[in-house]
Amino acid sequence: MKKLLLMVLFIASITFLSHAQGQWEIGGHYSSWSSGFVVASPGDYAADAFDEYDGPISFDFDGHNFGFGLRFFPAGKQGSFSIGLSYERNYFNADLSGSYTETVQGGTVTKTGSGRMESTPHSFNLDFRWEIIPRSRVHPYIGIGFGAGPLDGDITFTTVTETNQGGSVTTRTVTEELTLKDAIKKIEEKQGKDLYPINFFPIFHLNLGLRGEIVDGVYLLGEVALYDGTIVRGGLAYRF
């Protein structure tokens, strides 16, 4: 149902803009995260998602995305303001790791955890952009936008438990696999409150970029953006 509503919104927006005067631009882009994406800080309660591990967990984020979209300039080529609609395929990943030691009668128990989170939501985005000195062949721009996509993803986490008791050492390894939605549900049950009250992936981005016209109507773009984290993005666009 949510996918259908997003598609209807996308088509309705295109239909509305098609009746306005101005210029269109179509383009594609690729982005890479230079620092971890941040929707919430998971480190304080992530262990609640697992049965075998109950200690601190650190996250090492990485990821990328690619997409394409349409942009409309109401005032034409010399106009500063534009509105864009885009589709993006996102790849949000993170390596999980942590360890802790507990003292028990006659010895210690050390638990070491490691795992991987992978999420590949697609999203539809709406953004607003302002060109700075648009008459110049090469000029900067700023933009702001938002979007949403399904909350999809999987987590695999392996816990190695080493028990040293009475001079005897035993080791046990347990691997847990769960979806991102199930992980959130388990965390909320243990915390006794809703930590993530929405069931979709929200996206907010604020970007600063530079674009240049390499041939008539064809533009090369590069930007740095806050996109649920910090990303570096490059793209090509054609205005008609």
Protein backbone atom coordinates (compact mmCIF):
# COMPACT_ATOMS: atom_id res chain seq x y z
CA MET A 1 0.00 0.00 0.00
CA LYS A 2 2.78 2.43 0.89
CA LYS A 3 4.59 1.64 -2.36
CA LEU A 4 1.39 2.38 -4.29
CA LEU A 5 0.89 5.71 -2.50
CA LEU A 6 4.48 6.74 -3.20
CA MET A 7 4.07 5.88 -6.87
CA VAL A 8 0.78 7.80 -7.10
CA LEU A 9 2.44 10.84 -5.49
CA PHE A 10 5.33 10.59 -7.92
CA ILE A 11 3.06 10.39 -10.99
CA ALA A 12 0.74 13.14 -9.74
CA SER A 13 3.69 15.48 -9.20
CA ILE A 14 5.02 14.81 -12.69
CA THR A 15 1.57 15.47 -14.17
CA PHE A 16 1.26 18.77 -12.31
CA LEU A 17 4.69 19.99 -13.32
CA SER A 18 4.12 19.04 -16.95
CA HIS A 19 1.48 21.78 -17.22
CA ALA A 20 3.86 24.50 -16.05
CA GLN A 21 6.21 26.58 -18.17
CA GLY A 22 9.95 26.19 -17.86
CA GLN A 23 12.68 23.65 -18.53
CA TRP A 24 13.11 20.01 -17.57
CA GLU A 25 16.26 18.18 -16.58
CA ILE A 26 16.86 14.44 -16.39
CA GLY A 27 19.86 12.96 -14.64
CA GLY A 28 21.52 10.12 -12.82
CA HIS A 29 23.90 9.99 -9.88
CA TYR A 30 26.03 7.75 -7.67
CA SER A 31 26.83 8.39 -4.01
CA SER A 32 29.19 6.93 -1.44
CA TRP A 33 29.04 7.38 2.31
CA SER A 34 32.13 9.02 3.77
CA SER A 35 30.76 8.55 7.28
CA GLY A 36 28.04 6.40 8.78
CA PHE A 37 24.40 7.02 8.09
CA VAL A 38 22.51 8.17 11.15
CA VAL A 39 18.80 7.67 11.67
CA ALA A 40 19.24 6.98 15.36
CA SER A 41 22.24 6.13 17.53
CA PRO A 42 21.93 2.34 17.91
CA GLY A 43 24.99 1.60 20.01
CA ASP A 44 23.35 2.06 23.42
CA TYR A 45 20.61 -0.53 22.96
CA ALA A 46 21.59 -2.71 19.99
CA ALA A 47 22.50 -5.67 22.23
CA ASP A 48 18.83 -5.98 23.20
CA ALA A 49 18.21 -7.46 19.75
CA PHE A 50 20.28 -10.55 20.57
CA ASP A 51 19.82 -13.43 22.99
CA GLU A 52 23.46 -14.48 23.45
CA TYR A 53 25.16 -11.09 23.73
CA ASP A 54 24.49 -8.36 26.29
CA GLY A 55 27.40 -5.93 26.02
CA PRO A 56 28.49 -2.85 24.07
CA ILE A 57 28.36 -2.94 20.27
CA SER A 58 30.16 -0.57 17.93
CA PHE A 59 29.03 0.14 14.37
CA ASP A 60 31.32 0.74 11.41
CA PHE A 61 29.03 2.06 8.67
CA ASP A 62 29.51 2.02 4.93
CA GLY A 63 27.27 2.19 1.91
CA HIS A 64 26.33 3.76 -1.39
CA ASN A 65 23.35 4.49 -3.57
CA PHE A 66 22.46 5.28 -7.14
CA GLY A 67 19.43 6.90 -8.65
CA PHE A 68 17.83 8.91 -11.39
CA GLY A 69 15.24 11.62 -11.49
CA LEU A 70 13.51 14.55 -13.12
CA ARG A 71 14.00 18.19 -12.20
CA PHE A 72 11.92 21.20 -13.22
CA PHE A 73 13.14 24.81 -13.50
CA PRO A 74 10.03 27.06 -13.51
CA ALA A 75 11.99 30.09 -14.78
CA GLY A 76 13.96 28.21 -17.43
CA LYS A 77 17.73 28.10 -17.92
CA GLN A 78 18.42 31.39 -16.13
CA GLY A 79 16.21 30.48 -13.16
CA SER A 80 17.66 29.81 -9.75
CA PHE A 81 14.99 27.60 -8.16
CA SER A 82 14.14 24.04 -9.17
CA ILE A 83 12.15 21.11 -7.79
CA GLY A 84 13.24 17.51 -8.27
CA LEU A 85 11.67 14.06 -8.01
CA SER A 86 13.92 11.02 -7.90
CA TYR A 87 14.10 7.30 -7.33
CA GLU A 88 17.08 5.87 -5.45
CA ARG A 89 18.37 2.44 -4.55
CA ASN A 90 20.20 2.59 -1.23
CA TYR A 91 22.74 0.19 0.24
CA PHE A 92 23.15 0.82 3.97
CA ASN A 93 25.63 -1.54 5.65
CA ALA A 94 27.45 -1.80 8.96
CA ASP A 95 29.99 -4.10 10.60
CA LEU A 96 29.10 -4.83 14.23
CA SER A 97 31.64 -5.73 16.90
CA GLY A 98 32.05 -5.79 20.65
CA SER A 99 33.29 -7.75 23.66
CA TYR A 100 32.96 -7.86 27.43
CA THR A 101 34.01 -10.02 30.39
CA GLU A 102 31.95 -11.09 33.39
CA THR A 103 33.21 -12.54 36.65
CA VAL A 104 31.54 -15.76 37.75
CA GLN A 105 32.19 -18.11 40.64
CA GLY A 106 35.63 -19.58 40.13
CA GLY A 107 36.44 -17.82 36.89
CA THR A 108 35.40 -15.51 34.07
CA VAL A 109 33.17 -15.51 31.02
CA THR A 110 34.30 -13.51 28.00
CA LYS A 111 31.93 -12.85 25.13
CA THR A 112 33.05 -11.54 21.77
CA GLY A 113 30.49 -10.54 19.16
CA SER A 114 30.78 -9.70 15.49
CA GLY A 115 28.28 -9.35 12.69
CA ARG A 116 26.93 -7.52 9.71
CA MET A 117 23.86 -5.44 9.02
CA GLU A 118 22.72 -5.00 5.42
CA SER A 119 19.78 -2.89 4.30
CA THR A 120 18.85 -2.14 0.68
CA PRO A 121 15.73 0.04 0.72
CA HIS A 122 14.57 1.84 -2.38
CA SER A 123 13.15 5.33 -1.91
CA PHE A 124 11.31 8.15 -3.62
CA ASN A 125 12.60 11.63 -2.89
CA LEU A 126 11.43 15.21 -3.30
CA ASP A 127 13.97 18.03 -3.15
CA PHE A 128 14.25 21.77 -3.66
CA ARG A 129 17.40 23.37 -5.06
CA TRP A 130 18.72 26.88 -5.57
CA GLU A 131 21.44 27.64 -8.12
CA ILE A 132 23.90 30.36 -7.10
CA ILE A 133 24.79 32.60 -10.08
CA PRO A 134 22.94 30.32 -12.55
CA ARG A 135 24.09 32.39 -15.56
CA SER A 136 27.66 31.20 -14.98
CA ARG A 137 28.72 28.06 -16.86
CA VAL A 138 30.17 26.69 -13.62
CA HIS A 139 28.35 27.58 -10.41
CA PRO A 140 27.52 26.25 -6.92
CA TYR A 141 24.10 25.25 -5.62
CA ILE A 142 22.40 24.33 -2.35
CA GLY A 143 19.45 22.04 -1.77
CA ILE A 144 17.19 20.41 0.77
CA GLY A 145 14.90 17.42 0.46
CA PHE A 146 13.24 14.41 2.00
CA GLY A 147 12.03 10.96 1.08
CA ALA A 148 10.90 7.58 2.36
CA GLY A 149 11.35 3.89 1.68
CA PRO A 150 10.50 0.49 3.19
CA LEU A 151 12.29 -0.55 6.37
CA ASP A 152 14.00 -3.64 4.94
CA GLY A 153 17.23 -5.27 6.06
CA ASP A 154 18.93 -8.26 7.67
CA ILE A 155 21.32 -8.70 10.58
CA THR A 156 23.68 -11.59 11.29
CA PHE A 157 25.50 -11.61 14.63
CA THR A 158 27.88 -14.28 15.98
CA THR A 159 28.75 -14.56 19.67
CA VAL A 160 31.77 -16.53 20.85
CA THR A 161 31.58 -17.32 24.58
CA GLU A 162 34.77 -18.40 26.33
CA THR A 163 34.32 -19.69 29.86
CA ASN A 164 37.42 -20.00 32.05
CA GLN A 165 36.45 -21.73 35.27
CA GLY A 166 38.53 -23.83 37.61
CA GLY A 167 41.38 -24.01 35.11
CA SER A 168 39.12 -25.41 32.40
CA VAL A 169 38.37 -23.38 29.27
CA THR A 170 35.30 -24.05 27.11
CA THR A 171 34.15 -22.21 24.00
CA ARG A 172 30.69 -21.91 22.49
CA THR A 173 29.70 -20.17 19.25
CA VAL A 174 26.15 -19.05 18.46
CA THR A 175 25.01 -17.20 15.31
CA GLU A 176 21.75 -15.25 15.31
CA GLU A 177 19.97 -14.11 12.14
CA LEU A 178 17.04 -11.71 12.11
CA THR A 179 15.45 -9.02 10.01
CA LEU A 180 15.83 -5.34 10.81
CA LYS A 181 12.14 -5.12 11.71
CA ASP A 182 12.43 -8.09 14.10
CA ALA A 183 15.52 -6.55 15.70
CA ILE A 184 13.69 -3.29 16.33
CA LYS A 185 10.72 -5.19 17.77
CA LYS A 186 12.93 -7.12 20.22
CA ILE A 187 14.72 -3.95 21.31
CA GLU A 188 11.44 -2.16 21.94
CA GLU A 189 10.08 -5.10 23.95
CA LYS A 190 13.14 -5.13 26.21
CA GLN A 191 13.22 -1.34 26.52
CA GLY A 192 9.50 -1.18 27.19
CA LYS A 193 8.94 1.73 24.80
CA ASP A 194 8.72 2.60 21.13
CA LEU A 195 12.16 3.64 19.92
CA TYR A 196 11.20 3.66 16.25
CA PRO A 197 7.45 4.45 16.03
CA ILE A 198 7.34 4.53 12.22
CA ASN A 199 7.50 1.47 9.97
CA PHE A 200 9.30 3.08 7.04
CA PHE A 201 12.78 4.41 6.42
CA PRO A 202 12.83 8.26 6.54
CA ILE A 203 15.35 10.20 4.49
CA PHE A 204 16.45 13.79 4.94
CA HIS A 205 19.19 15.45 2.92
CA LEU A 206 20.91 18.83 2.83
CA ASN A 207 23.44 19.32 0.06
CA LEU A 208 26.05 21.75 -1.24
CA GLY A 209 27.36 21.18 -4.75
CA LEU A 210 29.05 22.48 -7.86
CA ARG A 211 27.77 21.99 -11.41
CA GLY A 212 29.26 22.83 -14.76
CA GLU A 213 27.93 22.73 -18.32
CA ILE A 214 30.38 20.55 -20.25
CA VAL A 215 28.49 20.82 -23.58
CA ASP A 216 25.21 22.52 -24.44
CA GLY A 217 22.54 21.17 -22.11
CA VAL A 218 24.77 18.53 -20.46
CA TYR A 219 25.95 19.13 -16.90
CA LEU A 220 28.45 17.47 -14.60
CA LEU A 221 27.63 17.65 -10.90
CA GLY A 222 29.55 17.01 -7.69
CA GLU A 223 28.36 17.56 -4.15
CA VAL A 224 28.75 16.84 -0.47
CA ALA A 225 25.52 16.13 1.36
CA LEU A 226 24.05 15.22 4.70
CA TYR A 227 21.90 12.25 3.73
CA ASP A 228 21.13 10.37 6.96
CA GLY A 229 24.90 10.72 7.33
CA THR A 230 27.57 12.32 5.13
CA ILE A 231 27.95 11.36 1.48
CA VAL A 232 29.92 12.39 -1.58
CA ARG A 233 27.93 12.36 -4.82
CA GLY A 234 28.62 12.74 -8.52
CA GLY A 235 26.24 12.80 -11.46
CA LEU A 236 25.32 13.80 -14.99
CA ALA A 237 22.25 15.73 -16.10
CA TYR A 238 20.69 16.78 -19.37
CA ARG A 239 18.39 19.81 -19.61
CA PHE A 240 15.78 20.16 -22.33
